[in-house]
C-alpha atoms as a PDB file:
ATOM      1  CA  MET A   1     -48.222  17.409  -7.795  1.00  0.00           C
ATOM      2  CA  LYS A   2     -49.447  19.928 -10.356  1.00  0.00           C
ATOM      3  CA  GLY A   3     -50.190  23.227  -8.651  1.00  0.00           C
ATOM      4  CA  ASP A   4     -47.703  22.862  -5.793  1.00  0.00           C
ATOM      5  CA  ARG A   5     -46.105  26.230  -5.266  1.00  0.00           C
ATOM      6  CA  VAL A   6     -43.240  27.733  -3.300  1.00  0.00           C
ATOM      7  CA  GLU A   7     -42.963  31.494  -2.798  1.00  0.00           C
ATOM      8  CA  ILE A   8     -39.577  32.967  -1.972  1.00  0.00           C
ATOM      9  CA  VAL A   9     -39.326  36.497  -0.559  1.00  0.00           C
ATOM     10  CA  VAL A  10     -35.852  37.952  -1.029  1.00  0.00           C
ATOM     11  CA  ASP A  11     -34.231  41.116   0.356  1.00  0.00           C
ATOM     12  CA  ALA A  12     -33.131  43.171  -2.652  1.00  0.00           C
ATOM     13  CA  GLY A  13     -31.473  46.054  -0.851  1.00  0.00           C
ATOM     14  CA  ASP A  14     -34.055  48.784  -0.344  1.00  0.00           C
ATOM     15  CA  THR A  15     -37.024  46.593  -1.343  1.00  0.00           C
ATOM     16  CA  THR A  16     -38.176  42.977  -1.355  1.00  0.00           C
ATOM     17  CA  ARG A  17     -38.855  40.751  -4.332  1.00  0.00           C
ATOM     18  CA  THR A  18     -41.112  37.738  -4.477  1.00  0.00           C
ATOM     19  CA  TYR A  19     -40.419  34.755  -6.704  1.00  0.00           C
ATOM     20  CA  GLU A  20     -42.594  31.694  -7.327  1.00  0.00           C
ATOM     21  CA  VAL A  21     -41.714  28.194  -8.419  1.00  0.00           C
ATOM     22  CA  VAL A  22     -44.776  26.215  -9.488  1.00  0.00           C
ATOM     23  CA  ALA A  23     -45.214  22.575 -10.496  1.00  0.00           C
ATOM     24  CA  SER A  24     -46.583  23.344 -13.942  1.00  0.00           C
ATOM     25  CA  ARG A  25     -47.581  19.879 -15.170  1.00  0.00           C
ATOM     26  CA  ALA A  26     -49.162  16.742 -13.779  1.00  0.00           C
ATOM     27  CA  GLY A  27     -46.707  14.499 -11.976  1.00  0.00           C
ATOM     28  CA  ARG A  28     -44.257  17.260 -11.143  1.00  0.00           C
ATOM     29  CA  ARG A  29     -43.450  18.459  -7.652  1.00  0.00           C
ATOM     30  CA  VAL A  30     -41.490  21.283  -6.051  1.00  0.00           C
ATOM     31  CA  GLU A  31     -38.580  20.483  -3.744  1.00  0.00           C
ATOM     32  CA  THR A  32     -36.608  22.820  -1.498  1.00  0.00           C
ATOM     33  CA  ALA A  33     -33.085  22.382  -0.165  1.00  0.00           C
ATOM     34  CA  VAL A  34     -30.748  24.520   1.912  1.00  0.00           C
ATOM     35  CA  ARG A  35     -27.085  23.710   1.349  1.00  0.00           C
ATOM     36  CA  ARG A  36     -23.908  25.667   2.081  1.00  0.00           C
ATOM     37  CA  GLY A  37     -25.651  29.006   2.422  1.00  0.00           C
ATOM     38  CA  VAL A  38     -27.793  28.604  -0.685  1.00  0.00           C
ATOM     39  CA  VAL A  39     -31.562  28.046  -0.809  1.00  0.00           C
ATOM     40  CA  GLU A  40     -32.463  25.956  -3.837  1.00  0.00           C
ATOM     41  CA  VAL A  41     -36.043  25.464  -5.052  1.00  0.00           C
ATOM     42  CA  SER A  42     -36.515  23.000  -7.925  1.00  0.00           C
ATOM     43  CA  GLU A  43     -39.363  21.712 -10.047  1.00  0.00           C
ATOM     44  CA  VAL A  44     -38.824  17.954 -10.389  1.00  0.00           C
ATOM     45  CA  THR A  45     -40.456  15.288 -12.589  1.00  0.00           C
ATOM     46  CA  ARG A  46     -41.658  11.884 -11.374  1.00  0.00           C
ATOM     47  CA  SER A  47     -38.398  10.289 -12.455  1.00  0.00           C
ATOM     48  CA  GLY A  48     -36.394  12.822 -10.442  1.00  0.00           C
ATOM     49  CA  SER A  49     -34.939  14.928 -13.214  1.00  0.00           C
ATOM     50  CA  VAL A  50     -34.867  18.660 -12.520  1.00  0.00           C
ATOM     51  CA  VAL A  51     -36.852  20.872 -14.893  1.00  0.00           C
ATOM     52  CA  ARG A  52     -35.930  24.274 -13.460  1.00  0.00           C
ATOM     53  CA  THR A  53     -34.135  25.567 -10.402  1.00  0.00           C
ATOM     54  CA  ALA A  54     -34.088  28.866  -8.522  1.00  0.00           C
ATOM     55  CA  ARG A  55     -31.122  29.588  -6.234  1.00  0.00           C
ATOM     56  CA  PHE A  56     -30.827  32.345  -3.636  1.00  0.00           C
ATOM     57  CA  MET A  57     -28.265  33.247  -0.990  1.00  0.00           C
ATOM     58  CA  SER A  58     -29.748  32.163   2.337  1.00  0.00           C
ATOM     59  CA  THR A  59     -28.692  35.439   3.994  1.00  0.00           C
ATOM     60  CA  ARG A  60     -31.002  37.297   1.575  1.00  0.00           C
ATOM     61  CA  VAL A  61     -34.053  35.021   1.911  1.00  0.00           C
ATOM     62  CA  LEU A  62     -36.677  36.565   4.204  1.00  0.00           C
ATOM     63  CA  ALA A  63     -39.431  33.960   3.785  1.00  0.00           C
ATOM     64  CA  LEU A  64     -39.913  30.612   2.128  1.00  0.00           C
ATOM     65  CA  VAL A  65     -43.593  29.700   1.880  1.00  0.00           C
ATOM     66  CA  GLU A  66     -44.602  26.231   0.683  1.00  0.00           C
ATOM     67  CA  GLN A  67     -48.178  26.117  -0.565  1.00  0.00           C
ATOM     68  CA  PRO A  68     -49.457  22.636  -1.400  1.00  0.00           C
ATOM     69  CA  VAL A  69     -52.356  22.084  -3.758  1.00  0.00           C
ATOM     70  CA  PRO A  70     -55.634  22.557  -1.910  1.00  0.00           C
ATOM     71  CA  GLY A  71     -57.214  19.115  -1.550  1.00  0.00           C
ATOM     72  CA  GLU A  72     -60.767  18.149  -0.840  1.00  0.00           C
ATOM     73  CA  ASP A  73     -62.369  19.555   2.299  1.00  0.00           C
ATOM     74  CA  THR A  74     -61.818  16.872   4.927  1.00  0.00           C
ATOM     75  CA  SER A  75     -63.244  18.887   7.840  1.00  0.00           C
ATOM     76  CA  GLU A  76     -66.774  17.594   7.229  1.00  0.00           C
ATOM     77  CA  ARG A  77     -65.573  14.061   6.693  1.00  0.00           C
ATOM     78  CA  ALA A  78     -63.528  14.160   9.894  1.00  0.00           C
ATOM     79  CA  ALA A  79     -66.546  15.317  11.905  1.00  0.00           C
ATOM     80  CA  ARG A  80     -68.665  12.358  10.803  1.00  0.00           C
ATOM     81  CA  PRO A  81     -68.065   8.882  12.190  1.00  0.00           C
ATOM     82  CA  LEU A  82     -66.411   6.489   9.771  1.00  0.00           C
ATOM     83  CA  ARG A  83     -69.215   3.971  10.096  1.00  0.00           C
ATOM     84  CA  GLU A  84     -72.763   4.850  10.996  1.00  0.00           C
ATOM     85  CA  ASP A  85     -74.304   2.362  13.389  1.00  0.00           C
ATOM     86  CA  PRO A  86     -78.115   2.087  12.947  1.00  0.00           C
ATOM     87  CA  GLU A  87     -78.560   0.895  16.551  1.00  0.00           C
ATOM     88  CA  THR A  88     -77.474   4.175  18.108  1.00  0.00           C
END
């Protein structure tokens, strides 16, 4: 979904570096995979074709933060009953 974002914090020796992969258009999503010691973060279209990929050695990755698109505030809706009964 447009706006999905994954932040990758990588150990770069004496400092850390932060990279972002963002779903830049409508219908795209960001997928993560860890295979054979490599962390792979890809932006993927609806049909499943990969637009761009970022690869990092898993021993160097300090944090992998998935940040979905903020949706509507459901806290108020969850507090209200689904159906209001006029008798009560």
